[in-house]
């Protein structure tokens, strides 16, 4: 049978005139730039030609032998233009890269190499290339006759809505891969997206504001006013993505537009989350500060809110950046490669970022356990100050002389420090005085009470005021004056008491420490044989 078929082909080649075996004979000879040796080369050549607007050249990549020779040139250009819209709109980016790059095509089916299959209603149309014979027995790859016959029904389903309305000038000469109607469509999409996003935002805010006013809580009112910017960006990204989808953009422009509006969508959501965290923290803080009678509890909650907000904000930034980067195939492939070596990479990263991770975990632990809070008065590194700021990695302490001491958070968990605001509102402060042995202690106690009830009334909390003899030295008495006040006023109260008590003692010089000297009379020795007389009694000291 095969011998008979071969003989018939040889007989026809002799009888038929030259050119009868030519593919698309009505188009003429293809230019030398037409490469149809492999399925990939044919599909790539067709895509490059149509996106340059050279539809006559693109017709050489179609099997038009079912058409009369006189119609092949005009119909070929028209069909090539329509096939461009179908492929740009329905096929994923990079679909032709899956085609075979060998002249023999797919080993399982050397006659065809299929890109995809599109459905219109109940009918399914394969998009594939076929290997056909041209002059002198040469085999080339072109879009199959079945695919070319399916172009018109596919275009009716997936083609542009304005394809049959606008004049040909809007489709003839692409600029940077886009036709005139597509450029105008992008401009109209941008303008309409901006206008509609503003209008939709105002309508949404008015509706949400009315719903928020029906409730008694104030959190939703603050949240509605805070979503003004993110909501507009969200509407703009959605409308822009919808508008560009109707323009049937070529793969490169479609790739750019898709990633642009997806990135804006991610940014709008991240922006909203950051606003949500800020508003929620402010509302909770104001509510607790207004209702709570314990100031230390309010400071503790403020510290937790600050640290937790910082943690969630950092997580938001990281997730948003990861989503933005995962859109790009190159970065995604790098991420897959890194995950493949996650054992070694995780060990190296863990060792390199050990201190950073420990600081982050220490910040979270500090917000939960709260050994310090914003507003606490502490003594750390031999410096007294007030906790002014707590971040995930360090704490800022405002020293009494207005300096700022920046201390890593792990230090508050690893080393001891003094927290004067922890546990209560009052502290005890001593004032030590050196006085003479003749000093009247009751008079000092009365003077201390007078000082605290008059000059120190604004600083003394009325709890403790004692005067005791702490020690007896060789020449003086050591008196301890003990007073109580809140940590912020204790130092000033001690200074005031010390100053006033010294003024009180200066008015009584007999009570000030003095150094005394007195002579001693040597004993008189009696004559030999006489009884020694007892020495006279010593003179008592003053």
Protein backbone atom coordinates (compact mmCIF):
# COMPACT_ATOMS: atom_id res chain seq x y z
CA UNK A 1 0.00 0.00 0.00
CA UNK A 2 2.81 2.41 0.97
CA UNK A 3 4.59 1.61 -2.30
CA UNK A 4 1.44 2.43 -4.25
CA UNK A 5 1.01 5.72 -2.38
CA UNK A 6 4.62 6.66 -2.99
CA UNK A 7 4.25 5.89 -6.67
CA UNK A 8 1.10 8.00 -6.85
CA UNK A 9 2.90 10.94 -5.27
CA UNK A 10 5.75 10.64 -7.77
CA UNK A 11 3.31 10.47 -10.67
CA UNK A 12 1.47 13.59 -9.43
CA UNK A 13 4.76 15.44 -8.96
CA UNK A 14 5.59 14.75 -12.58
CA UNK A 15 2.17 15.57 -13.99
CA UNK A 16 1.34 18.65 -11.88
CA UNK A 17 3.02 21.95 -12.72
CA UNK A 18 5.71 23.41 -10.42
CA UNK A 19 4.21 25.25 -7.44
CA UNK A 20 1.15 23.03 -7.13
CA UNK A 21 2.57 21.61 -3.87
CA UNK A 22 3.34 25.10 -2.47
CA UNK A 23 1.79 26.07 0.88
CA UNK A 24 -0.36 29.21 0.75
CA UNK A 25 0.44 29.74 -2.89
CA UNK A 26 -1.80 32.80 -2.96
CA UNK A 27 0.54 34.64 -0.52
CA UNK A 28 3.61 34.21 -2.64
CA UNK A 29 6.99 33.06 -1.42
CA UNK A 30 7.60 33.77 2.29
CA UNK A 31 10.39 36.23 3.15
CA UNK A 32 13.69 34.78 4.40
CA UNK A 33 12.90 36.00 7.93
CA UNK A 34 10.01 33.55 8.24
CA UNK A 35 11.21 30.66 10.44
CA UNK A 36 8.84 27.69 10.49
CA UNK A 37 11.31 24.89 11.20
CA UNK A 38 10.00 24.12 14.72
CA UNK A 39 6.64 24.57 16.47
CA UNK A 40 8.13 27.10 18.87
CA UNK A 41 9.80 29.10 16.10
CA UNK A 42 6.55 29.28 14.11
CA UNK A 43 4.45 30.40 17.10
CA UNK A 44 7.12 32.92 18.14
CA UNK A 45 7.41 34.31 14.62
CA UNK A 46 3.64 34.72 14.37
CA UNK A 47 3.48 36.52 17.74
CA UNK A 48 6.29 38.91 16.82
CA UNK A 49 4.75 39.72 13.45
CA UNK A 50 1.22 40.44 14.70
CA UNK A 51 2.44 42.59 17.59
CA UNK A 52 4.41 44.67 15.11
CA UNK A 53 1.29 45.11 13.02
CA UNK A 54 2.69 43.12 10.07
CA UNK A 55 -0.34 40.89 9.52
CA UNK A 56 0.65 40.05 5.91
CA UNK A 57 3.83 38.50 7.22
CA UNK A 58 1.95 36.71 10.00
CA UNK A 59 -0.34 35.08 7.40
CA UNK A 60 2.59 32.85 6.30
CA UNK A 61 2.32 31.07 9.66
CA UNK A 62 -1.28 29.99 8.92
CA UNK A 63 -2.50 27.03 6.84
CA UNK A 64 -4.72 28.83 4.29
CA UNK A 65 -4.84 26.14 1.61
CA UNK A 66 -8.57 25.65 2.18
CA UNK A 67 -9.16 29.16 0.80
CA UNK A 68 -9.11 30.10 -2.88
CA UNK A 69 -5.75 31.51 -3.98
CA UNK A 70 -7.23 34.93 -4.72
CA UNK A 71 -8.55 35.30 -1.16
CA UNK A 72 -5.56 34.01 0.75
CA UNK A 73 -3.71 37.34 1.00
CA UNK A 74 -6.60 39.46 2.31
CA UNK A 75 -8.16 36.73 4.42
CA UNK A 76 -4.78 35.70 5.79
CA UNK A 77 -4.07 39.19 7.16
CA UNK A 78 -7.57 39.45 8.63
CA UNK A 79 -7.42 36.04 10.26
CA UNK A 80 -3.94 36.72 11.65
CA UNK A 81 -5.17 39.92 13.31
CA UNK A 82 -8.16 38.14 14.82
CA UNK A 83 -6.05 35.23 16.04
CA UNK A 84 -3.79 37.73 17.82
CA UNK A 85 -6.68 38.98 19.95
CA UNK A 86 -7.78 35.45 20.79
CA UNK A 87 -4.31 34.32 21.83
CA UNK A 88 -3.57 37.49 23.82
CA UNK A 89 -6.84 37.31 25.70
CA UNK A 90 -7.22 33.59 26.40
CA UNK A 91 -3.77 32.05 26.50
CA UNK A 92 -1.60 32.48 29.60
CA UNK A 93 1.64 34.40 29.37
CA UNK A 94 4.45 32.17 28.14
CA UNK A 95 2.13 29.45 26.79
CA UNK A 96 4.14 29.10 23.58
CA UNK A 97 7.29 28.29 25.57
CA UNK A 98 5.87 24.81 26.13
CA UNK A 99 6.02 24.07 22.40
CA UNK A 100 8.71 21.79 21.06
CA UNK A 101 11.92 23.37 19.79
CA UNK A 102 12.83 20.35 17.69
CA UNK A 103 12.00 20.06 13.96
CA UNK A 104 10.35 16.71 14.63
CA UNK A 105 7.93 18.23 17.13
CA UNK A 106 6.33 16.18 19.87
CA UNK A 107 7.70 12.60 19.73
CA UNK A 108 4.32 11.19 20.78
CA UNK A 109 2.51 12.99 17.94
CA UNK A 110 4.92 14.25 15.27
CA UNK A 111 2.09 15.72 13.16
CA UNK A 112 0.72 18.21 15.71
CA UNK A 113 1.91 20.26 18.67
CA UNK A 114 -0.96 21.70 20.68
CA UNK A 115 -0.78 24.92 22.74
CA UNK A 116 -4.21 24.83 24.37
CA UNK A 117 -7.89 24.18 23.74
CA UNK A 118 -10.60 26.88 23.90
CA UNK A 119 -14.31 26.26 24.33
CA UNK A 120 -17.20 28.23 22.88
CA UNK A 121 -20.48 26.85 24.19
CA UNK A 122 -20.42 23.12 23.70
CA UNK A 123 -17.76 23.25 20.98
CA UNK A 124 -14.06 22.85 21.75
CA UNK A 125 -11.41 24.29 19.44
CA UNK A 126 -7.78 23.15 19.76
CA UNK A 127 -5.05 25.75 19.23
CA UNK A 128 -2.22 23.79 17.65
CA UNK A 129 0.41 23.78 14.96
CA UNK A 130 0.64 21.17 12.22
CA UNK A 131 3.56 19.91 10.18
CA UNK A 132 2.79 20.30 6.46
CA UNK A 133 4.70 19.80 3.25
CA UNK A 134 5.75 22.64 0.94
CA UNK A 135 7.83 22.82 -2.24
CA UNK A 136 10.26 20.02 -2.96
CA UNK A 137 9.10 17.98 -0.02
CA UNK A 138 10.17 20.47 2.68
CA UNK A 139 8.23 20.18 5.96
CA UNK A 140 7.31 23.28 7.98
CA UNK A 141 5.18 24.09 11.02
CA UNK A 142 2.11 26.40 10.74
CA UNK A 143 -1.14 26.86 12.60
CA UNK A 144 -3.31 23.95 11.50
CA UNK A 145 -6.23 24.28 9.14
CA UNK A 146 -8.67 23.34 11.94
CA UNK A 147 -7.29 26.16 14.12
CA UNK A 148 -7.51 28.67 11.25
CA UNK A 149 -11.11 27.66 10.53
CA UNK A 150 -11.93 28.22 14.24
CA UNK A 151 -10.56 31.81 14.30
CA UNK A 152 -13.84 33.51 13.39
CA UNK A 153 -16.04 31.79 16.02
CA UNK A 154 -13.32 32.28 18.65
CA UNK A 155 -13.03 35.98 17.73
CA UNK A 156 -16.77 36.44 18.03
CA UNK A 157 -16.58 35.07 21.56
CA UNK A 158 -13.28 36.51 22.84
CA UNK A 159 -12.49 39.39 20.49
CA UNK A 160 -12.72 43.11 21.37
CA UNK A 161 -16.18 44.61 21.61
CA UNK A 162 -15.17 47.56 19.42
CA UNK A 163 -13.62 45.41 16.71
CA UNK A 164 -16.50 45.88 14.28
CA UNK A 165 -17.34 49.46 15.34
CA UNK A 166 -14.12 51.46 15.00
CA UNK A 167 -12.55 52.23 11.63
CA UNK A 168 -9.44 50.29 10.53
CA UNK A 169 -7.12 53.19 11.42
CA UNK A 170 -7.47 52.23 15.08
CA UNK A 171 -6.05 48.75 14.38
CA UNK A 172 -3.47 49.18 11.62
CA UNK A 173 -0.26 50.57 13.12
CA UNK A 174 0.67 49.44 16.65
CA UNK A 175 2.94 51.68 18.73
CA UNK A 176 5.09 49.87 21.30
CA UNK A 177 2.96 46.78 20.73
CA UNK A 178 -0.36 48.54 21.38
CA UNK A 179 -2.86 49.65 18.79
CA UNK A 180 -4.44 53.10 18.82
CA UNK A 181 -7.71 51.92 20.32
CA UNK A 182 -5.80 50.20 23.12
CA UNK A 183 -3.86 53.39 23.93
CA UNK A 184 -7.10 55.34 24.04
CA UNK A 185 -8.63 52.61 26.16
CA UNK A 186 -5.78 52.82 28.68
CA UNK A 187 -6.21 56.58 28.93
CA UNK A 188 -9.97 56.26 29.38
CA UNK A 189 -9.48 53.47 31.93
CA UNK A 190 -7.12 55.61 34.02
CA UNK A 191 -9.39 58.67 33.98
CA UNK A 192 -12.57 56.71 34.69
CA UNK A 193 -10.85 54.68 37.43
CA UNK A 194 -9.75 57.87 39.21
CA UNK A 195 -13.18 59.51 38.94
CA UNK A 196 -15.15 56.41 39.88
CA UNK A 197 -12.84 55.57 42.78
CA UNK A 198 -13.41 59.02 44.29
CA UNK A 199 -17.18 58.76 43.80
CA UNK A 200 -17.39 55.23 45.15
CA UNK A 201 -15.23 56.16 48.12
CA UNK A 202 -17.52 59.05 49.08
CA UNK A 203 -20.62 56.88 48.73
CA UNK A 204 -19.05 54.08 50.76
CA UNK A 205 -17.89 56.45 53.51
CA UNK A 206 -21.33 58.05 53.70
CA UNK A 207 -23.00 54.64 53.98
CA UNK A 208 -20.50 53.27 56.51
CA UNK A 209 -20.64 56.53 58.52
CA UNK A 210 -24.41 56.30 58.77
CA UNK A 211 -24.16 52.68 59.93
CA UNK A 212 -21.48 53.64 62.48
CA UNK A 213 -23.64 56.40 63.95
CA UNK A 214 -26.30 53.84 64.81
CA UNK A 215 -23.94 52.19 67.31
CA UNK A 216 -22.90 53.52 70.72
CA UNK A 217 -19.21 52.71 70.44
CA UNK A 218 -16.78 55.23 68.98
CA UNK A 219 -14.32 52.74 67.51
CA UNK A 220 -16.25 52.24 64.27
CA UNK A 221 -16.57 56.01 63.75
CA UNK A 222 -12.80 56.45 63.98
CA UNK A 223 -12.27 53.43 61.72
CA UNK A 224 -14.58 54.81 59.01
CA UNK A 225 -12.70 58.10 58.90
CA UNK A 226 -9.35 56.30 58.72
CA UNK A 227 -10.10 54.20 55.60
CA UNK A 228 -10.46 57.20 53.33
CA UNK A 229 -7.16 56.77 51.48
CA UNK A 230 -6.90 52.95 51.38
CA UNK A 231 -10.47 52.57 50.14
CA UNK A 232 -9.87 54.90 47.21
CA UNK A 233 -6.71 53.02 46.22
CA UNK A 234 -8.60 49.73 46.50
CA UNK A 235 -11.35 50.93 44.15
CA UNK A 236 -8.78 52.32 41.71
CA UNK A 237 -6.88 49.04 41.51
CA UNK A 238 -10.05 46.98 40.99
CA UNK A 239 -11.45 49.31 38.32
CA UNK A 240 -8.09 49.55 36.58
CA UNK A 241 -7.73 45.76 36.47
CA UNK A 242 -11.25 45.41 35.08
CA UNK A 243 -10.67 48.05 32.41
CA UNK A 244 -7.36 46.64 31.18
CA UNK A 245 -8.87 43.15 30.98
CA UNK A 246 -11.34 44.43 28.36
CA UNK A 247 -8.57 45.89 26.18
CA UNK A 248 -7.08 42.52 25.17
CA UNK A 249 -3.54 43.77 25.77
CA UNK A 250 -0.58 41.87 24.35
CA UNK A 251 1.35 39.61 26.74
CA UNK A 252 3.99 42.16 27.78
CA UNK A 253 1.54 44.99 28.41
CA UNK A 254 -0.87 42.59 30.07
CA UNK A 255 1.91 41.39 32.36
CA UNK A 256 2.81 44.95 33.37
CA UNK A 257 -0.81 46.02 33.92
CA UNK A 258 -1.69 42.91 35.91
CA UNK A 259 1.27 43.23 38.24
CA UNK A 260 0.78 46.98 38.62
CA UNK A 261 -2.84 46.77 39.75
CA UNK A 262 -2.16 43.68 41.86
CA UNK A 263 0.62 45.57 43.63
CA UNK A 264 -1.69 48.52 44.24
CA UNK A 265 -4.29 46.15 45.65
CA UNK A 266 -1.75 44.66 48.07
CA UNK A 267 -0.57 48.14 49.09
CA UNK A 268 -4.15 49.29 49.73
CA UNK A 269 -4.89 46.29 51.95
CA UNK A 270 -1.62 46.74 53.89
CA UNK A 271 -2.36 50.46 54.24
CA UNK A 272 -5.79 49.66 55.65
CA UNK A 273 -4.34 47.16 58.14
CA UNK A 274 -1.84 49.75 59.40
CA UNK A 275 -4.62 52.33 59.79
CA UNK A 276 -6.76 49.72 61.58
CA UNK A 277 -3.97 48.95 64.06
CA UNK A 278 -3.33 52.62 64.78
CA UNK A 279 -7.00 53.53 65.28
CA UNK A 280 -7.70 50.47 67.42
CA UNK A 281 -4.72 51.17 69.67
CA UNK A 282 -5.74 54.80 70.11
CA UNK A 283 -9.36 53.98 70.91
CA UNK A 284 -8.43 51.28 73.44
CA UNK A 285 -5.86 53.54 75.08
CA UNK A 286 -8.29 56.44 75.37
CA UNK A 287 -11.01 54.20 76.76
CA UNK A 288 -8.77 52.69 79.43
CA UNK A 289 -7.21 56.05 80.36
CA UNK A 290 -10.67 57.55 80.76
CA UNK A 291 -12.20 54.73 82.80
CA UNK A 292 -9.25 53.33 84.73
CA UNK A 293 -8.51 54.74 88.17
CA UNK A 294 -5.13 53.01 88.41
CA UNK A 295 -2.53 54.97 86.47
CA UNK A 296 -0.05 52.08 86.55
CA UNK A 297 -2.57 49.81 84.84
CA UNK A 298 -3.10 52.42 82.14
CA UNK A 299 0.65 52.67 81.58
CA UNK A 300 0.92 48.90 81.41
CA UNK A 301 -1.81 48.66 78.80
CA UNK A 302 -0.20 51.48 76.84
CA UNK A 303 3.08 49.57 76.82
CA UNK A 304 1.38 46.39 75.59
CA UNK A 305 -0.45 48.27 72.86
CA UNK A 306 2.73 49.97 71.66
CA UNK A 307 4.76 46.76 71.51
CA UNK A 308 1.99 44.61 70.01
CA UNK A 309 1.22 47.29 67.45
CA UNK A 310 4.89 47.34 66.49
CA UNK A 311 4.87 43.55 66.11
CA UNK A 312 1.76 43.50 63.92
CA UNK A 313 2.99 46.44 61.85
CA UNK A 314 6.29 44.66 61.22
CA UNK A 315 4.40 41.49 60.25
CA UNK A 316 2.20 43.53 57.89
CA UNK A 317 5.21 45.04 56.16
CA UNK A 318 6.87 41.63 55.80
CA UNK A 319 3.76 39.91 54.43
CA UNK A 320 3.04 42.75 52.01
CA UNK A 321 6.62 42.74 50.74
CA UNK A 322 6.50 38.95 50.33
CA UNK A 323 3.24 39.14 48.35
CA UNK A 324 4.67 41.85 46.13
CA UNK A 325 7.79 39.84 45.39
CA UNK A 326 5.94 36.57 44.82
CA UNK A 327 4.26 38.06 41.75
CA UNK A 328 7.52 37.85 39.84
CA UNK A 329 8.59 34.50 38.50
CA UNK A 330 12.30 35.16 39.01
CA UNK A 331 11.92 35.90 42.70
CA UNK A 332 9.55 32.96 43.12
CA UNK A 333 12.09 30.61 41.58
CA UNK A 334 14.77 31.96 43.86
CA UNK A 335 12.49 31.35 46.81
CA UNK A 336 11.88 27.75 45.70
CA UNK A 337 15.62 27.22 45.35
CA UNK A 338 16.20 28.61 48.83
CA UNK A 339 13.48 26.40 50.28
CA UNK A 340 15.14 23.37 48.69
CA UNK A 341 18.22 24.11 50.79
CA UNK A 342 16.21 25.24 53.82
CA UNK A 343 18.25 23.17 56.25
CA UNK A 344 21.59 24.85 55.61
CA UNK A 345 20.07 28.26 54.87
CA UNK A 346 18.00 28.15 58.05
CA UNK A 347 21.05 27.25 60.12
CA UNK A 348 23.15 30.03 58.60
CA UNK A 349 20.40 32.63 58.90
CA UNK A 350 19.61 31.54 62.44
CA UNK A 351 23.22 31.92 63.53
CA UNK A 352 23.62 35.25 61.74
CA UNK A 353 20.39 36.72 63.08
CA UNK A 354 20.59 35.22 66.55
CA UNK A 355 20.82 38.56 68.34
CA UNK A 356 18.13 40.17 66.20
CA UNK A 357 15.70 37.31 66.76
CA UNK A 358 16.44 37.22 70.48
CA UNK A 359 15.84 40.98 70.70
CA UNK A 360 12.52 40.61 68.87
CA UNK A 361 11.40 37.79 71.18
CA UNK A 362 12.61 39.77 74.19
CA UNK A 363 10.46 42.70 73.08
CA UNK A 364 7.40 40.46 72.88
CA UNK A 365 8.20 38.93 76.27
CA UNK A 366 8.66 42.39 77.80
CA UNK A 367 5.23 43.51 76.54
CA UNK A 368 3.63 40.47 78.20
CA UNK A 369 5.50 40.34 81.51
CA UNK A 370 5.93 44.14 81.76
CA UNK A 371 8.91 44.57 84.08
CA UNK A 372 8.90 48.14 82.78
CA UNK A 373 6.18 50.29 81.26
CA UNK A 374 6.09 53.58 79.45
CA UNK A 375 6.22 56.31 82.09
CA UNK A 376 7.95 54.17 84.75
CA UNK A 377 10.79 55.76 86.70
CA UNK A 378 13.80 53.46 86.74
CA UNK A 379 17.41 53.35 87.81
CA UNK A 380 19.50 51.55 85.21
CA UNK A 381 23.22 51.77 84.55
CA UNK A 382 23.41 53.98 87.66
CA UNK A 383 21.20 56.54 85.96
CA UNK A 384 17.76 57.68 87.14
CA UNK A 385 15.20 58.43 84.45
CA UNK A 386 11.75 57.86 83.00
CA UNK A 387 10.90 55.24 80.37
CA UNK A 388 9.97 57.30 77.33
CA UNK A 389 9.77 54.79 74.46
CA UNK A 390 9.69 51.00 74.09
CA UNK A 391 10.34 49.39 70.70
CA UNK A 392 10.91 45.81 69.63
CA UNK A 393 14.68 46.10 70.08
CA UNK A 394 15.50 48.91 72.51
CA UNK A 395 14.15 51.13 75.28
CA UNK A 396 14.65 54.90 75.50
CA UNK A 397 15.04 56.27 79.05
CA UNK A 398 14.86 60.03 79.59
CA UNK A 399 17.48 60.78 82.23
CA UNK A 400 16.83 63.47 84.85
CA UNK A 401 19.16 65.92 83.06
CA UNK A 402 17.21 65.51 79.76
CA UNK A 403 19.67 63.06 78.23
CA UNK A 404 18.32 59.96 76.45
CA UNK A 405 19.69 56.58 77.40
CA UNK A 406 19.13 53.92 74.73
CA UNK A 407 19.28 50.44 76.24
CA UNK A 408 18.81 47.09 74.40
CA UNK A 409 15.71 45.25 75.54
CA UNK A 410 17.53 42.01 76.52
CA UNK A 411 19.35 43.98 79.24
CA UNK A 412 16.08 44.49 81.11
CA UNK A 413 15.56 40.72 81.10
CA UNK A 414 19.14 39.66 81.89
CA UNK A 415 20.37 42.27 84.38
CA UNK A 416 18.82 43.70 87.56
CA UNK A 417 17.54 47.26 87.60
CA UNK A 418 15.37 49.43 89.84
CA UNK A 419 11.80 50.27 88.90
CA UNK A 420 10.51 52.92 91.26
CA UNK A 421 7.01 52.84 89.72
CA UNK A 422 6.53 49.08 90.13
CA UNK A 423 4.15 47.91 92.81
CA UNK A 424 2.90 51.18 94.31
CA UNK A 425 2.58 54.93 94.03
CA UNK A 426 4.78 55.84 97.03
CA UNK A 427 8.43 55.37 98.02
CA UNK A 428 10.51 56.10 101.13
CA UNK A 429 13.49 58.38 101.05
CA UNK A 430 16.06 58.85 103.87
CA UNK A 431 17.86 62.06 104.88
CA UNK A 432 20.84 61.55 107.22
CA UNK A 433 22.10 64.19 109.66
CA UNK A 434 25.05 64.31 112.08
CA UNK A 435 24.16 66.14 115.34
CA UNK A 436 25.54 66.61 118.82
CA UNK A 437 24.68 64.29 121.70
CA UNK A 438 22.65 67.06 123.36
CA UNK A 439 20.22 67.44 120.44
CA UNK A 440 16.52 67.22 121.34
CA UNK A 441 14.99 64.50 119.09
CA UNK A 442 11.41 65.53 119.82
CA UNK A 443 12.17 69.06 118.64
CA UNK A 444 13.53 67.62 115.36
CA UNK A 445 10.37 65.57 114.91
CA UNK A 446 8.19 68.64 115.44
CA UNK A 447 10.26 70.64 112.95
CA UNK A 448 10.08 67.83 110.36
CA UNK A 449 6.30 67.76 110.67
CA UNK A 450 6.16 71.53 110.21
CA UNK A 451 8.33 71.34 107.08
CA UNK A 452 6.22 68.59 105.49
CA UNK A 453 2.91 70.31 106.24
CA UNK A 454 4.06 73.69 104.91
CA UNK A 455 6.93 73.92 102.42
CA UNK A 456 6.73 70.26 101.39
CA UNK A 457 2.96 69.90 101.40
CA UNK A 458 2.75 69.63 97.58
CA UNK A 459 5.30 66.80 97.49
CA UNK A 460 4.67 64.83 100.69
CA UNK A 461 1.97 62.15 100.46
CA UNK A 462 1.23 62.29 104.22
CA UNK A 463 2.16 58.67 104.86
CA UNK A 464 5.58 58.49 106.56
CA UNK A 465 7.59 61.10 108.53
CA UNK A 466 9.96 59.74 111.17
CA UNK A 467 13.13 60.88 112.94
CA UNK A 468 15.23 58.18 114.60
CA UNK A 469 18.78 57.88 115.94
CA UNK A 470 20.32 55.49 113.47
CA UNK A 471 23.76 55.18 115.00
CA UNK A 472 25.95 56.50 117.84
CA UNK A 473 29.40 57.47 116.64
CA UNK A 474 32.43 58.38 118.73
CA UNK A 475 31.71 62.13 118.69
CA UNK A 476 28.22 62.58 117.09
CA UNK A 477 24.81 61.04 116.67
CA UNK A 478 23.69 59.86 113.21
CA UNK A 479 20.02 60.74 112.76
CA UNK A 480 17.89 59.33 109.95
CA UNK A 481 14.95 61.38 108.72
CA UNK A 482 12.53 59.22 106.67
CA UNK A 483 9.83 60.70 104.42
CA UNK A 484 7.48 59.27 101.77
CA UNK A 485 6.40 60.61 98.38
CA UNK A 486 5.71 59.44 94.85
CA UNK A 487 8.86 58.60 92.84
CA UNK A 488 8.69 61.79 90.83
CA UNK A 489 8.74 64.06 93.92
CA UNK A 490 10.83 62.01 96.32
CA UNK A 491 14.21 63.42 95.33
CA UNK A 492 13.00 67.03 95.53
CA UNK A 493 11.33 66.38 98.90
CA UNK A 494 14.51 64.90 100.34
CA UNK A 495 16.50 67.92 99.21
CA UNK A 496 13.94 70.28 100.75
CA UNK A 497 13.92 68.44 104.08
CA UNK A 498 17.71 68.35 104.19
CA UNK A 499 17.94 72.10 103.50
CA UNK A 500 15.28 73.11 106.06
CA UNK A 501 16.62 70.83 108.77
CA UNK A 502 20.13 72.25 108.35
CA UNK A 503 18.72 75.76 108.63
CA UNK A 504 16.93 74.69 111.83
CA UNK A 505 20.17 73.29 113.29
CA UNK A 506 22.18 76.37 112.37
CA UNK A 507 19.80 78.40 114.51
CA UNK A 508 20.80 76.11 117.43
CA UNK A 509 24.61 75.87 117.29
CA UNK A 510 24.73 73.77 120.48
CA UNK A 511 23.13 70.90 118.49
CA UNK A 512 25.74 71.01 115.75
CA UNK A 513 28.60 68.53 115.99
CA UNK A 514 31.57 69.92 118.04
CA UNK A 515 34.98 68.60 118.88
CA UNK A 516 35.78 68.78 122.67
CA UNK A 517 39.11 68.61 124.52
CA UNK A 518 39.64 68.66 128.36
CA UNK A 519 42.82 68.36 130.60
CA UNK A 520 43.33 65.42 132.97
CA UNK A 521 44.99 66.04 136.49
CA UNK A 522 47.64 63.42 137.30
CA UNK A 523 47.09 61.59 140.65
CA UNK A 524 49.24 62.75 143.73
CA UNK A 525 51.56 60.07 145.10
CA UNK A 526 51.50 59.92 149.02
CA UNK A 527 54.73 59.74 151.07
CA UNK A 528 56.13 56.41 151.91
CA UNK A 529 54.25 54.89 154.79
CA UNK A 530 51.10 57.01 154.40
CA UNK A 531 47.82 55.66 153.11
CA UNK A 532 46.95 56.78 149.62
CA UNK A 533 43.99 59.11 149.44
CA UNK A 534 41.33 58.44 146.79
CA UNK A 535 41.47 60.80 143.81
CA UNK A 536 38.96 63.61 143.64
CA UNK A 537 35.86 62.91 141.53
CA UNK A 538 36.17 63.76 137.84
CA UNK A 539 34.35 66.77 136.51
CA UNK A 540 31.33 65.61 134.45
CA UNK A 541 31.28 66.47 130.73
CA UNK A 542 28.86 68.93 129.37
